[in-house]
Protein backbone atom coordinates (compact mmCIF):
# COMPACT_ATOMS: atom_id res chain seq x y z
CA UNK A 1 68.84 -13.91 -98.90
CA UNK A 2 70.84 -14.25 -102.92
CA UNK A 3 69.38 -10.76 -104.07
CA UNK A 4 70.00 -8.69 -100.46
CA UNK A 5 73.91 -10.78 -100.75
CA UNK A 6 74.54 -8.93 -104.43
CA UNK A 7 73.21 -5.48 -103.33
CA UNK A 8 74.88 -5.83 -100.03
CA UNK A 9 78.07 -6.61 -101.71
CA UNK A 10 77.38 -4.11 -104.64
CA UNK A 11 77.12 -1.30 -101.58
CA UNK A 12 80.43 -2.30 -100.08
CA UNK A 13 82.36 -2.57 -103.33
CA UNK A 14 80.64 1.09 -104.04
CA UNK A 15 82.31 2.12 -100.33
CA UNK A 16 85.17 1.00 -101.25
CA UNK A 17 85.47 2.91 -104.74
CA UNK A 18 84.83 6.02 -102.79
CA UNK A 19 87.19 5.23 -99.83
CA UNK A 20 89.46 4.48 -102.34
CA UNK A 21 89.21 8.37 -104.17
CA UNK A 22 88.87 9.86 -100.73
CA UNK A 23 92.10 7.98 -99.94
CA UNK A 24 93.59 9.27 -102.95
CA UNK A 25 92.36 13.05 -102.49
CA UNK A 26 93.82 13.35 -98.88
CA UNK A 27 97.28 12.15 -99.83
CA UNK A 28 97.44 14.78 -102.92
CA UNK A 29 96.41 17.39 -100.56
CA UNK A 30 98.12 16.54 -98.22
CA UNK A 31 101.46 16.40 -101.00
CA UNK A 32 100.02 20.27 -102.05
CA UNK A 33 100.09 21.35 -98.83
CA UNK A 34 103.24 19.83 -97.19
CA UNK A 35 105.05 21.60 -100.68
CA UNK A 36 103.21 25.31 -99.50
CA UNK A 37 104.47 25.19 -96.26
CA UNK A 38 108.18 23.68 -96.50
CA UNK A 39 109.73 26.81 -97.38
CA UNK A 40 107.69 28.54 -94.41
CA UNK A 41 110.90 27.68 -91.55
CA UNK A 42 112.80 29.47 -93.81
CA UNK A 43 110.68 32.56 -94.33
CA UNK A 44 109.84 32.60 -90.69
CA UNK A 45 113.70 32.44 -89.49
CA UNK A 46 114.61 35.59 -92.51
CA UNK A 47 111.12 37.68 -91.34
CA UNK A 48 112.92 37.67 -87.27
CA UNK A 49 116.24 38.45 -88.55
CA UNK A 50 114.67 41.51 -90.49
CA UNK A 51 112.76 42.41 -87.28
CA UNK A 52 115.93 42.14 -85.27
CA UNK A 53 118.03 44.26 -87.79
CA UNK A 54 114.93 46.82 -87.94
CA UNK A 55 114.71 47.17 -84.42
CA UNK A 56 118.77 47.90 -83.65
CA UNK A 57 118.53 50.64 -86.64
CA UNK A 58 115.54 51.87 -84.88
CA UNK A 59 117.45 52.10 -81.63
CA UNK A 60 120.24 53.87 -83.27
CA UNK A 61 118.57 56.10 -85.21
CA UNK A 62 116.59 57.10 -81.60
CA UNK A 63 120.03 57.44 -80.09
CA UNK A 64 121.22 59.87 -83.12
CA UNK A 65 118.42 61.89 -82.82
CA UNK A 66 118.27 62.19 -78.65
CA UNK A 67 122.41 63.34 -79.35
CA UNK A 68 120.65 66.27 -82.47
CA UNK A 69 118.04 67.50 -80.10
CA UNK A 70 120.79 68.58 -77.55
CA UNK A 71 123.33 69.92 -79.66
CA UNK A 72 120.45 72.13 -81.35
CA UNK A 73 119.20 73.09 -77.55
CA UNK A 74 122.70 73.61 -77.08
CA UNK A 75 123.06 75.82 -80.10
CA UNK A 76 120.03 77.64 -78.92
CA UNK A 77 121.24 77.85 -75.53
CA UNK A 78 124.38 79.75 -76.90
CA UNK A 79 122.62 81.83 -78.93
CA UNK A 80 120.65 83.32 -76.29
CA UNK A 81 123.53 83.84 -74.17
CA UNK A 82 125.68 85.37 -77.35
CA UNK A 83 122.31 87.66 -77.87
CA UNK A 84 122.22 88.91 -74.04
CA UNK A 85 125.57 90.04 -74.14
CA UNK A 86 125.32 91.99 -76.95
CA UNK A 87 122.24 93.89 -75.88
């Protein structure tokens, strides 16, 4: 019985050491993950603002393109009318 108790005490002590190592590793890992992702909210916010700015620029350029297309169409129409009158 005594040898079984010693064996059990040894196994419990080994389990305690293993659990301490696991706890230490998990604590370190949590610290590293926190360090890695601590800046994520700001980066996401910057990305959202950049996307919004890009959408606004695209809409402005699209409007300008439409205006240029209208001007080109008008110039083509004027040229056609002018050529007909010339004949």
